[in-house]
Amino acid sequence: FAEKIPFVPNINNQRSTISVDNLCLFINKAIEKGFDGFY
């Protein structure tokens, strides 16, 4: 979308996201610490 549009809308929003690196680090810690439940 960024490549195609000639302008960027000046709208500020907030989105929860996670990088694949951080997600994998979380999974690793879940295994190390024996997590159990909803995360």
PDB file of all heavy atoms in Angstrom:
ATOM      1  N   PHE A   1       0.838  -1.196   0.000  1.00  0.00           N
ATOM      2  CA  PHE A   1       0.000   0.000   0.000  1.00  0.00           C
ATOM      3  C   PHE A   1       0.876   1.250   0.000  1.00  0.00           C
ATOM      4  O   PHE A   1       0.622   2.218  -0.727  1.00  0.00           O
ATOM      5  CB  PHE A   1      -0.917  -0.031   1.223  1.00  0.00           C
ATOM      6  CG  PHE A   1      -1.881   1.111   1.306  1.00  0.00           C
ATOM      7  CD1 PHE A   1      -2.798   1.345   0.296  1.00  0.00           C
ATOM      8  CD2 PHE A   1      -1.901   1.943   2.422  1.00  0.00           C
ATOM      9  CE1 PHE A   1      -3.706   2.398   0.379  1.00  0.00           C
ATOM     10  CE2 PHE A   1      -2.798   2.996   2.514  1.00  0.00           C
ATOM     11  CZ  PHE A   1      -3.701   3.219   1.488  1.00  0.00           C
ATOM     12  N   ALA A   2       1.932   1.221   0.797  1.00  0.00           N
ATOM     13  CA  ALA A   2       2.849   2.357   0.883  1.00  0.00           C
ATOM     14  C   ALA A   2       3.538   2.617  -0.452  1.00  0.00           C
ATOM     15  O   ALA A   2       3.818   3.766  -0.824  1.00  0.00           O
ATOM     16  CB  ALA A   2       3.892   2.101   1.972  1.00  0.00           C
ATOM     17  N   GLU A   3       3.802   1.555  -1.177  1.00  0.00           N
ATOM     18  CA  GLU A   3       4.483   1.677  -2.459  1.00  0.00           C
ATOM     19  C   GLU A   3       3.600   2.322  -3.519  1.00  0.00           C
ATOM     20  O   GLU A   3       4.070   3.045  -4.391  1.00  0.00           O
ATOM     21  CB  GLU A   3       4.938   0.295  -2.930  1.00  0.00           C
ATOM     22  CG  GLU A   3       5.760   0.301  -4.199  1.00  0.00           C
ATOM     23  CD  GLU A   3       6.261  -1.082  -4.567  1.00  0.00           C
ATOM     24  OE1 GLU A   3       5.966  -2.031  -3.820  1.00  0.00           O
ATOM     25  OE2 GLU A   3       6.947  -1.196  -5.583  1.00  0.00           O
ATOM     26  N   LYS A   4       2.286   2.099  -3.414  1.00  0.00           N
ATOM     27  CA  LYS A   4       1.369   2.539  -4.458  1.00  0.00           C
ATOM     28  C   LYS A   4       0.787   3.932  -4.236  1.00  0.00           C
ATOM     29  O   LYS A   4       0.598   4.687  -5.183  1.00  0.00           O
ATOM     30  CB  LYS A   4       0.221   1.527  -4.590  1.00  0.00           C
ATOM     31  CG  LYS A   4       0.673   0.151  -5.089  1.00  0.00           C
ATOM     32  CD  LYS A   4      -0.494  -0.811  -5.149  1.00  0.00           C
ATOM     33  CE  LYS A   4      -0.045  -2.184  -5.643  1.00  0.00           C
ATOM     34  NZ  LYS A   4      -1.182  -3.156  -5.676  1.00  0.00           N
ATOM     35  N   ILE A   5       0.470   4.274  -2.970  1.00  0.00           N
ATOM     36  CA  ILE A   5      -0.226   5.535  -2.741  1.00  0.00           C
ATOM     37  C   ILE A   5       0.723   6.723  -2.893  1.00  0.00           C
ATOM     38  O   ILE A   5       1.896   6.650  -2.514  1.00  0.00           O
ATOM     39  CB  ILE A   5      -0.883   5.572  -1.344  1.00  0.00           C
ATOM     40  CG1 ILE A   5       0.170   5.389  -0.237  1.00  0.00           C
ATOM     41  CG2 ILE A   5      -1.969   4.523  -1.228  1.00  0.00           C
ATOM     42  CD1 ILE A   5      -0.382   5.592   1.162  1.00  0.00           C
ATOM     43  N   PRO A   6       0.244   7.851  -3.455  1.00  0.00           N
ATOM     44  CA  PRO A   6       1.102   9.023  -3.658  1.00  0.00           C
ATOM     45  C   PRO A   6       1.279   9.861  -2.394  1.00  0.00           C
ATOM     46  O   PRO A   6       2.105  10.763  -2.358  1.00  0.00           O
ATOM     47  CB  PRO A   6       0.351   9.821  -4.730  1.00  0.00           C
ATOM     48  CG  PRO A   6      -1.085   9.454  -4.511  1.00  0.00           C
ATOM     49  CD  PRO A   6      -1.085   8.010  -4.078  1.00  0.00           C
ATOM     50  N   PHE A   7       0.478   9.586  -1.369  1.00  0.00           N
ATOM     51  CA  PHE A   7       0.544  10.367  -0.132  1.00  0.00           C
ATOM     52  C   PHE A   7       0.343   9.439   1.060  1.00  0.00           C
ATOM     53  O   PHE A   7      -0.074   8.291   0.919  1.00  0.00           O
ATOM     54  CB  PHE A   7      -0.533  11.454  -0.118  1.00  0.00           C
ATOM     55  CG  PHE A   7      -1.934  10.890  -0.171  1.00  0.00           C
ATOM     56  CD1 PHE A   7      -2.625  10.571   0.995  1.00  0.00           C
ATOM     57  CD2 PHE A   7      -2.554  10.664  -1.394  1.00  0.00           C
ATOM     58  CE1 PHE A   7      -3.901  10.032   0.945  1.00  0.00           C
ATOM     59  CE2 PHE A   7      -3.834  10.118  -1.449  1.00  0.00           C
ATOM     60  CZ  PHE A   7      -4.506   9.805  -0.277  1.00  0.00           C
ATOM     61  N   VAL A   8       0.637   9.951   2.245  1.00  0.00           N
ATOM     62  CA  VAL A   8       0.424   9.197   3.477  1.00  0.00           C
ATOM     63  C   VAL A   8      -0.620   9.921   4.319  1.00  0.00           C
ATOM     64  O   VAL A   8      -0.419  11.086   4.677  1.00  0.00           O
ATOM     65  CB  VAL A   8       1.736   9.059   4.291  1.00  0.00           C
ATOM     66  CG1 VAL A   8       1.459   8.387   5.647  1.00  0.00           C
ATOM     67  CG2 VAL A   8       2.772   8.271   3.510  1.00  0.00           C
ATOM     68  N   PRO A   9      -1.737   9.273   4.633  1.00  0.00           N
ATOM     69  CA  PRO A   9      -2.760   9.916   5.470  1.00  0.00           C
ATOM     70  C   PRO A   9      -2.210  10.232   6.858  1.00  0.00           C
ATOM     71  O   PRO A   9      -1.584   9.384   7.497  1.00  0.00           O
ATOM     72  CB  PRO A   9      -3.860   8.850   5.555  1.00  0.00           C
ATOM     73  CG  PRO A   9      -3.650   7.970   4.367  1.00  0.00           C
ATOM     74  CD  PRO A   9      -2.160   7.937   4.175  1.00  0.00           C
ATOM     75  N   ASN A  10      -2.451  11.445   7.296  1.00  0.00           N
ATOM     76  CA  ASN A  10      -1.961  11.887   8.601  1.00  0.00           C
ATOM     77  C   ASN A  10      -2.945  11.453   9.691  1.00  0.00           C
ATOM     78  O   ASN A  10      -3.643  12.265  10.291  1.00  0.00           O
ATOM     79  CB  ASN A  10      -1.762  13.393   8.618  1.00  0.00           C
ATOM     80  CG  ASN A  10      -1.058  13.868   9.870  1.00  0.00           C
ATOM     81  OD1 ASN A  10      -0.450  13.077  10.581  1.00  0.00           O
ATOM     82  ND2 ASN A  10      -1.151  15.152  10.144  1.00  0.00           N
ATOM     83  N   ILE A  11      -3.006  10.151   9.913  1.00  0.00           N
ATOM     84  CA  ILE A  11      -3.891   9.568  10.918  1.00  0.00           C
ATOM     85  C   ILE A  11      -3.039   8.796  11.909  1.00  0.00           C
ATOM     86  O   ILE A  11      -2.253   7.935  11.528  1.00  0.00           O
ATOM     87  CB  ILE A  11      -4.928   8.619  10.278  1.00  0.00           C
ATOM     88  CG1 ILE A  11      -5.842   9.390   9.334  1.00  0.00           C
ATOM     89  CG2 ILE A  11      -5.749   7.906  11.363  1.00  0.00           C
ATOM     90  CD1 ILE A  11      -6.829   8.510   8.587  1.00  0.00           C
ATOM     91  N   ASN A  12      -3.172   9.131  13.172  1.00  0.00           N
ATOM     92  CA  ASN A  12      -2.420   8.444  14.209  1.00  0.00           C
ATOM     93  C   ASN A  12      -3.286   7.350  14.838  1.00  0.00           C
ATOM     94  O   ASN A  12      -4.407   7.613  15.263  1.00  0.00           O
ATOM     95  CB  ASN A  12      -1.967   9.422  15.299  1.00  0.00           C
ATOM     96  CG  ASN A  12      -0.849  10.324  14.822  1.00  0.00           C
ATOM     97  OD1 ASN A  12       0.195   9.852  14.373  1.00  0.00           O
ATOM     98  ND2 ASN A  12      -1.068  11.631  14.899  1.00  0.00           N
ATOM     99  N   ASN A  13      -2.765   6.147  14.849  1.00  0.00           N
ATOM    100  CA  ASN A  13      -3.481   5.051  15.490  1.00  0.00           C
ATOM    101  C   ASN A  13      -2.510   4.227  16.320  1.00  0.00           C
ATOM    102  O   ASN A  13      -1.299   4.484  16.332  1.00  0.00           O
ATOM    103  CB  ASN A  13      -4.185   4.177  14.448  1.00  0.00           C
ATOM    104  CG  ASN A  13      -3.216   3.438  13.561  1.00  0.00           C
ATOM    105  OD1 ASN A  13      -2.059   3.841  13.390  1.00  0.00           O
ATOM    106  ND2 ASN A  13      -3.654   2.347  12.965  1.00  0.00           N
ATOM    107  N   GLN A  14      -3.033   3.233  17.015  1.00  0.00           N
ATOM    108  CA  GLN A  14      -2.211   2.350  17.828  1.00  0.00           C
ATOM    109  C   GLN A  14      -2.607   0.904  17.542  1.00  0.00           C
ATOM    110  O   GLN A  14      -3.797   0.569  17.562  1.00  0.00           O
ATOM    111  CB  GLN A  14      -2.393   2.636  19.322  1.00  0.00           C
ATOM    112  CG  GLN A  14      -1.807   3.957  19.775  1.00  0.00           C
ATOM    113  CD  GLN A  14      -1.972   4.150  21.274  1.00  0.00           C
ATOM    114  OE1 GLN A  14      -2.988   3.820  21.850  1.00  0.00           O
ATOM    115  NE2 GLN A  14      -0.943   4.696  21.908  1.00  0.00           N
ATOM    116  N   ARG A  15      -1.615   0.083  17.258  1.00  0.00           N
ATOM    117  CA  ARG A  15      -1.868  -1.330  16.989  1.00  0.00           C
ATOM    118  C   ARG A  15      -0.890  -2.192  17.779  1.00  0.00           C
ATOM    119  O   ARG A  15       0.302  -1.933  17.789  1.00  0.00           O
ATOM    120  CB  ARG A  15      -1.691  -1.640  15.493  1.00  0.00           C
ATOM    121  CG  ARG A  15      -2.681  -0.959  14.579  1.00  0.00           C
ATOM    122  CD  ARG A  15      -4.098  -1.388  14.893  1.00  0.00           C
ATOM    123  NE  ARG A  15      -4.282  -2.830  14.804  1.00  0.00           N
ATOM    124  CZ  ARG A  15      -4.754  -3.443  13.721  1.00  0.00           C
ATOM    125  NH1 ARG A  15      -5.089  -2.748  12.654  1.00  0.00           N
ATOM    126  NH2 ARG A  15      -4.912  -4.755  13.723  1.00  0.00           N
ATOM    127  N   SER A  16      -1.430  -3.204  18.449  1.00  0.00           N
ATOM    128  CA  SER A  16      -0.553  -4.207  19.033  1.00  0.00           C
ATOM    129  C   SER A  16       0.022  -5.046  17.905  1.00  0.00           C
ATOM    130  O   SER A  16      -0.717  -5.529  17.046  1.00  0.00           O
ATOM    131  CB  SER A  16      -1.328  -5.109  20.004  1.00  0.00           C
ATOM    132  OG  SER A  16      -1.606  -4.443  21.202  1.00  0.00           O
ATOM    133  N   THR A  17       1.314  -5.203  17.891  1.00  0.00           N
ATOM    134  CA  THR A  17       1.982  -6.043  16.906  1.00  0.00           C
ATOM    135  C   THR A  17       3.102  -6.795  17.628  1.00  0.00           C
ATOM    136  O   THR A  17       3.422  -6.491  18.782  1.00  0.00           O
ATOM    137  CB  THR A  17       2.600  -5.212  15.763  1.00  0.00           C
ATOM    138  OG1 THR A  17       3.524  -4.263  16.315  1.00  0.00           O
ATOM    139  CG2 THR A  17       1.532  -4.471  14.971  1.00  0.00           C
ATOM    140  N   ILE A  18       3.683  -7.752  16.931  1.00  0.00           N
ATOM    141  CA  ILE A  18       4.843  -8.430  17.491  1.00  0.00           C
ATOM    142  C   ILE A  18       5.751  -8.873  16.352  1.00  0.00           C
ATOM    143  O   ILE A  18       5.281  -9.419  15.347  1.00  0.00           O
ATOM    144  CB  ILE A  18       4.433  -9.632  18.372  1.00  0.00           C
ATOM    145  CG1 ILE A  18       5.659 -10.219  19.077  1.00  0.00           C
ATOM    146  CG2 ILE A  18       3.692 -10.701  17.580  1.00  0.00           C
ATOM    147  CD1 ILE A  18       5.327 -11.162  20.222  1.00  0.00           C
ATOM    148  N   SER A  19       7.019  -8.604  16.496  1.00  0.00           N
ATOM    149  CA  SER A  19       7.980  -9.055  15.494  1.00  0.00           C
ATOM    150  C   SER A  19       8.138 -10.561  15.616  1.00  0.00           C
ATOM    151  O   SER A  19       7.944 -11.135  16.700  1.00  0.00           O
ATOM    152  CB  SER A  19       9.334  -8.375  15.685  1.00  0.00           C
ATOM    153  OG  SER A  19       9.963  -8.856  16.860  1.00  0.00           O
ATOM    154  N   VAL A  20       8.485 -11.208  14.525  1.00  0.00           N
ATOM    155  CA  VAL A  20       8.662 -12.657  14.571  1.00  0.00           C
ATOM    156  C   VAL A  20       9.801 -13.016  15.523  1.00  0.00           C
ATOM    157  O   VAL A  20       9.776 -14.071  16.172  1.00  0.00           O
ATOM    158  CB  VAL A  20       8.898 -13.225  13.155  1.00  0.00           C
ATOM    159  CG1 VAL A  20      10.218 -12.727  12.574  1.00  0.00           C
ATOM    160  CG2 VAL A  20       8.839 -14.743  13.154  1.00  0.00           C
ATOM    161  N   ASP A  21      10.789 -12.132  15.656  1.00  0.00           N
ATOM    162  CA  ASP A  21      11.878 -12.383  16.610  1.00  0.00           C
ATOM    163  C   ASP A  21      11.340 -12.413  18.039  1.00  0.00           C
ATOM    164  O   ASP A  21      11.646 -13.325  18.815  1.00  0.00           O
ATOM    165  CB  ASP A  21      12.945 -11.290  16.497  1.00  0.00           C
ATOM    166  CG  ASP A  21      13.716 -11.374  15.202  1.00  0.00           C
ATOM    167  OD1 ASP A  21      14.690 -12.136  15.152  1.00  0.00           O
ATOM    168  OD2 ASP A  21      13.333 -10.698  14.239  1.00  0.00           O
ATOM    169  N   ASN A  22      10.537 -11.406  18.403  1.00  0.00           N
ATOM    170  CA  ASN A  22       9.989 -11.352  19.755  1.00  0.00           C
ATOM    171  C   ASN A  22       9.020 -12.500  20.021  1.00  0.00           C
ATOM    172  O   ASN A  22       8.954 -13.017  21.132  1.00  0.00           O
ATOM    173  CB  ASN A  22       9.298 -10.017  19.990  1.00  0.00           C
ATOM    174  CG  ASN A  22      10.266  -8.929  20.421  1.00  0.00           C
ATOM    175  OD1 ASN A  22      11.389  -9.214  20.831  1.00  0.00           O
ATOM    176  ND2 ASN A  22       9.854  -7.685  20.321  1.00  0.00           N
ATOM    177  N   LEU A  23       8.262 -12.884  18.995  1.00  0.00           N
ATOM    178  CA  LEU A  23       7.341 -14.004  19.159  1.00  0.00           C
ATOM    179  C   LEU A  23       8.109 -15.290  19.444  1.00  0.00           C
ATOM    180  O   LEU A  23       7.740 -16.074  20.334  1.00  0.00           O
ATOM    181  CB  LEU A  23       6.472 -14.163  17.917  1.00  0.00           C
ATOM    182  CG  LEU A  23       5.474 -15.332  17.937  1.00  0.00           C
ATOM    183  CD1 LEU A  23       4.542 -15.237  19.137  1.00  0.00           C
ATOM    184  CD2 LEU A  23       4.665 -15.364  16.632  1.00  0.00           C
ATOM    185  N   CYS A  24       9.181 -15.510  18.708  1.00  0.00           N
ATOM    186  CA  CYS A  24       9.991 -16.711  18.915  1.00  0.00           C
ATOM    187  C   CYS A  24      10.681 -16.680  20.277  1.00  0.00           C
ATOM    188  O   CYS A  24      10.819 -17.720  20.939  1.00  0.00           O
ATOM    189  CB  CYS A  24      11.018 -16.865  17.800  1.00  0.00           C
ATOM    190  SG  CYS A  24      10.296 -17.340  16.209  1.00  0.00           S
ATOM    191  N   LEU A  25      11.124 -15.490  20.709  1.00  0.00           N
ATOM    192  CA  LEU A  25      11.719 -15.368  22.030  1.00  0.00           C
ATOM    193  C   LEU A  25      10.697 -15.674  23.123  1.00  0.00           C
ATOM    194  O   LEU A  25      11.018 -16.279  24.149  1.00  0.00           O
ATOM    195  CB  LEU A  25      12.297 -13.962  22.227  1.00  0.00           C
ATOM    196  CG  LEU A  25      13.559 -13.639  21.427  1.00  0.00           C
ATOM    197  CD1 LEU A  25      13.907 -12.164  21.548  1.00  0.00           C
ATOM    198  CD2 LEU A  25      14.724 -14.500  21.880  1.00  0.00           C
ATOM    199  N   PHE A  26       9.458 -15.255  22.887  1.00  0.00           N
ATOM    200  CA  PHE A  26       8.400 -15.567  23.847  1.00  0.00           C
ATOM    201  C   PHE A  26       8.153 -17.079  23.917  1.00  0.00           C
ATOM    202  O   PHE A  26       8.036 -17.652  25.007  1.00  0.00           O
ATOM    203  CB  PHE A  26       7.099 -14.855  23.470  1.00  0.00           C
ATOM    204  CG  PHE A  26       5.919 -15.345  24.274  1.00  0.00           C
ATOM    205  CD1 PHE A  26       5.710 -14.892  25.558  1.00  0.00           C
ATOM    206  CD2 PHE A  26       5.052 -16.294  23.751  1.00  0.00           C
ATOM    207  CE1 PHE A  26       4.651 -15.365  26.320  1.00  0.00           C
ATOM    208  CE2 PHE A  26       3.987 -16.781  24.497  1.00  0.00           C
ATOM    209  CZ  PHE A  26       3.786 -16.312  25.788  1.00  0.00           C
ATOM    210  N   ILE A  27       8.063 -17.731  22.760  1.00  0.00           N
ATOM    211  CA  ILE A  27       7.844 -19.185  22.730  1.00  0.00           C
ATOM    212  C   ILE A  27       8.987 -19.894  23.448  1.00  0.00           C
ATOM    213  O   ILE A  27       8.772 -20.844  24.206  1.00  0.00           O
ATOM    214  CB  ILE A  27       7.705 -19.679  21.281  1.00  0.00           C
ATOM    215  CG1 ILE A  27       6.431 -19.110  20.646  1.00  0.00           C
ATOM    216  CG2 ILE A  27       7.670 -21.209  21.236  1.00  0.00           C
ATOM    217  CD1 ILE A  27       6.304 -19.395  19.165  1.00  0.00           C
ATOM    218  N   ASN A  28      10.204 -19.424  23.221  1.00  0.00           N
ATOM    219  CA  ASN A  28      11.364 -20.011  23.885  1.00  0.00           C
ATOM    220  C   ASN A  28      11.234 -19.883  25.398  1.00  0.00           C
ATOM    221  O   ASN A  28      11.499 -20.841  26.146  1.00  0.00           O
ATOM    222  CB  ASN A  28      12.637 -19.319  23.404  1.00  0.00           C
ATOM    223  CG  ASN A  28      13.868 -19.773  24.168  1.00  0.00           C
ATOM    224  OD1 ASN A  28      14.246 -20.937  24.150  1.00  0.00           O
ATOM    225  ND2 ASN A  28      14.501 -18.840  24.871  1.00  0.00           N
ATOM    226  N   LYS A  29      10.826 -18.701  25.858  1.00  0.00           N
ATOM    227  CA  LYS A  29      10.687 -18.503  27.296  1.00  0.00           C
ATOM    228  C   LYS A  29       9.534 -19.332  27.851  1.00  0.00           C
ATOM    229  O   LYS A  29       9.605 -19.829  28.986  1.00  0.00           O
ATOM    230  CB  LYS A  29      10.471 -17.028  27.620  1.00  0.00           C
ATOM    231  CG  LYS A  29      10.506 -16.758  29.121  1.00  0.00           C
ATOM    232  CD  LYS A  29      10.867 -15.328  29.442  1.00  0.00           C
ATOM    233  CE  LYS A  29      11.142 -15.178  30.926  1.00  0.00           C
ATOM    234  NZ  LYS A  29      11.546 -13.812  31.289  1.00  0.00           N
ATOM    235  N   ALA A  30       8.476 -19.497  27.071  1.00  0.00           N
ATOM    236  CA  ALA A  30       7.346 -20.330  27.504  1.00  0.00           C
ATOM    237  C   ALA A  30       7.805 -21.762  27.756  1.00  0.00           C
ATOM    238  O   ALA A  30       7.352 -22.424  28.698  1.00  0.00           O
ATOM    239  CB  ALA A  30       6.241 -20.305  26.448  1.00  0.00           C
ATOM    240  N   ILE A  31       8.723 -22.224  26.917  1.00  0.00           N
ATOM    241  CA  ILE A  31       9.266 -23.575  27.082  1.00  0.00           C
ATOM    242  C   ILE A  31      10.202 -23.628  28.284  1.00  0.00           C
ATOM    243  O   ILE A  31      10.115 -24.537  29.121  1.00  0.00           O
ATOM    244  CB  ILE A  31      10.015 -24.010  25.801  1.00  0.00           C
ATOM    245  CG1 ILE A  31       9.033 -24.108  24.629  1.00  0.00           C
ATOM    246  CG2 ILE A  31      10.719 -25.347  26.012  1.00  0.00           C
ATOM    247  CD1 ILE A  31       9.706 -24.286  23.280  1.00  0.00           C
ATOM    248  N   GLU A  32      11.082 -22.643  28.393  1.00  0.00           N
ATOM    249  CA  GLU A  32      12.046 -22.612  29.495  1.00  0.00           C
ATOM    250  C   GLU A  32      11.356 -22.552  30.856  1.00  0.00           C
ATOM    251  O   GLU A  32      11.747 -23.250  31.798  1.00  0.00           O
ATOM    252  CB  GLU A  32      12.956 -21.386  29.362  1.00  0.00           C
ATOM    253  CG  GLU A  32      14.003 -21.480  28.269  1.00  0.00           C
ATOM    254  CD  GLU A  32      14.899 -20.264  28.262  1.00  0.00           C
ATOM    255  OE1 GLU A  32      14.491 -19.198  28.777  1.00  0.00           O
ATOM    256  OE2 GLU A  32      16.008 -20.368  27.734  1.00  0.00           O
ATOM    257  N   LYS A  33      10.331 -21.708  30.955  1.00  0.00           N
ATOM    258  CA  LYS A  33       9.665 -21.468  32.239  1.00  0.00           C
ATOM    259  C   LYS A  33       8.460 -22.389  32.467  1.00  0.00           C
ATOM    260  O   LYS A  33       7.856 -22.344  33.539  1.00  0.00           O
ATOM    261  CB  LYS A  33       9.207 -20.004  32.321  1.00  0.00           C
ATOM    262  CG  LYS A  33      10.325 -18.985  32.172  1.00  0.00           C
ATOM    263  CD  LYS A  33      11.302 -19.048  33.334  1.00  0.00           C
ATOM    264  CE  LYS A  33      12.344 -17.948  33.226  1.00  0.00           C
ATOM    265  NZ  LYS A  33      13.321 -17.986  34.354  1.00  0.00           N
ATOM    266  N   GLY A  34       8.113 -23.187  31.481  1.00  0.00           N
ATOM    267  CA  GLY A  34       6.970 -24.087  31.642  1.00  0.00           C
ATOM    268  C   GLY A  34       5.648 -23.356  31.749  1.00  0.00           C
ATOM    269  O   GLY A  34       4.794 -23.708  32.573  1.00  0.00           O
ATOM    270  N   PHE A  35       5.462 -22.338  30.920  1.00  0.00           N
ATOM    271  CA  PHE A  35       4.210 -21.578  30.954  1.00  0.00           C
ATOM    272  C   PHE A  35       3.005 -22.495  30.756  1.00  0.00           C
ATOM    273  O   PHE A  35       3.078 -23.527  30.092  1.00  0.00           O
ATOM    274  CB  PHE A  35       4.204 -20.504  29.863  1.00  0.00           C
ATOM    275  CG  PHE A  35       5.089 -19.321  30.154  1.00  0.00           C
ATOM    276  CD1 PHE A  35       5.210 -18.295  29.226  1.00  0.00           C
ATOM    277  CD2 PHE A  35       5.810 -19.218  31.330  1.00  0.00           C
ATOM    278  CE1 PHE A  35       6.019 -17.196  29.469  1.00  0.00           C
ATOM    279  CE2 PHE A  35       6.627 -18.132  31.590  1.00  0.00           C
ATOM    280  CZ  PHE A  35       6.727 -17.112  30.651  1.00  0.00           C
ATOM    281  N   ASP A  36       1.865 -22.052  31.299  1.00  0.00           N
ATOM    282  CA  ASP A  36       0.624 -22.803  31.195  1.00  0.00           C
ATOM    283  C   ASP A  36      -0.532 -21.819  31.292  1.00  0.00           C
ATOM    284  O   ASP A  36      -0.706 -21.162  32.315  1.00  0.00           O
ATOM    285  CB  ASP A  36       0.542 -23.837  32.323  1.00  0.00           C
ATOM    286  CG  ASP A  36      -0.701 -24.717  32.244  1.00  0.00           C
ATOM    287  OD1 ASP A  36      -1.293 -24.805  31.160  1.00  0.00           O
ATOM    288  OD2 ASP A  36      -1.071 -25.308  33.286  1.00  0.00           O
ATOM    289  N   GLY A  37      -1.293 -21.641  30.209  1.00  0.00           N
ATOM    290  CA  GLY A  37      -2.410 -20.713  30.253  1.00  0.00           C
ATOM    291  C   GLY A  37      -2.508 -19.870  28.998  1.00  0.00           C
ATOM    292  O   GLY A  37      -1.990 -20.219  27.934  1.00  0.00           O
ATOM    293  N   PHE A  38      -3.168 -18.712  29.127  1.00  0.00           N
ATOM    294  CA  PHE A  38      -3.440 -17.828  27.997  1.00  0.00           C
ATOM    295  C   PHE A  38      -2.479 -16.642  28.041  1.00  0.00           C
ATOM    296  O   PHE A  38      -2.350 -15.970  29.064  1.00  0.00           O
ATOM    297  CB  PHE A  38      -4.883 -17.324  28.051  1.00  0.00           C
ATOM    298  CG  PHE A  38      -5.905 -18.421  27.968  1.00  0.00           C
ATOM    299  CD1 PHE A  38      -6.350 -19.071  29.109  1.00  0.00           C
ATOM    300  CD2 PHE A  38      -6.417 -18.817  26.744  1.00  0.00           C
ATOM    301  CE1 PHE A  38      -7.290 -20.086  29.036  1.00  0.00           C
ATOM    302  CE2 PHE A  38      -7.352 -19.824  26.642  1.00  0.00           C
ATOM    303  CZ  PHE A  38      -7.788 -20.475  27.800  1.00  0.00           C
ATOM    304  N   TYR A  39      -1.837 -16.376  26.907  1.00  0.00           N
ATOM    305  CA  TYR A  39      -0.834 -15.315  26.828  1.00  0.00           C
ATOM    306  C   TYR A  39      -1.060 -14.457  25.591  1.00  0.00           C
ATOM    307  O   TYR A  39      -1.471 -14.957  24.545  1.00  0.00           O
ATOM    308  CB  TYR A  39       0.577 -15.911  26.798  1.00  0.00           C
ATOM    309  CG  TYR A  39       0.930 -16.672  28.050  1.00  0.00           C
ATOM    310  CD1 TYR A  39       0.568 -18.006  28.192  1.00  0.00           C
ATOM    311  CD2 TYR A  39       1.610 -16.051  29.095  1.00  0.00           C
ATOM    312  CE1 TYR A  39       0.882 -18.709  29.352  1.00  0.00           C
ATOM    313  CE2 TYR A  39       1.927 -16.746  30.251  1.00  0.00           C
ATOM    314  CZ  TYR A  39       1.560 -18.075  30.375  1.00  0.00           C
ATOM    315  OH  TYR A  39       1.862 -18.760  31.522  1.00  0.00           O
TER     316      TYR A  39
END
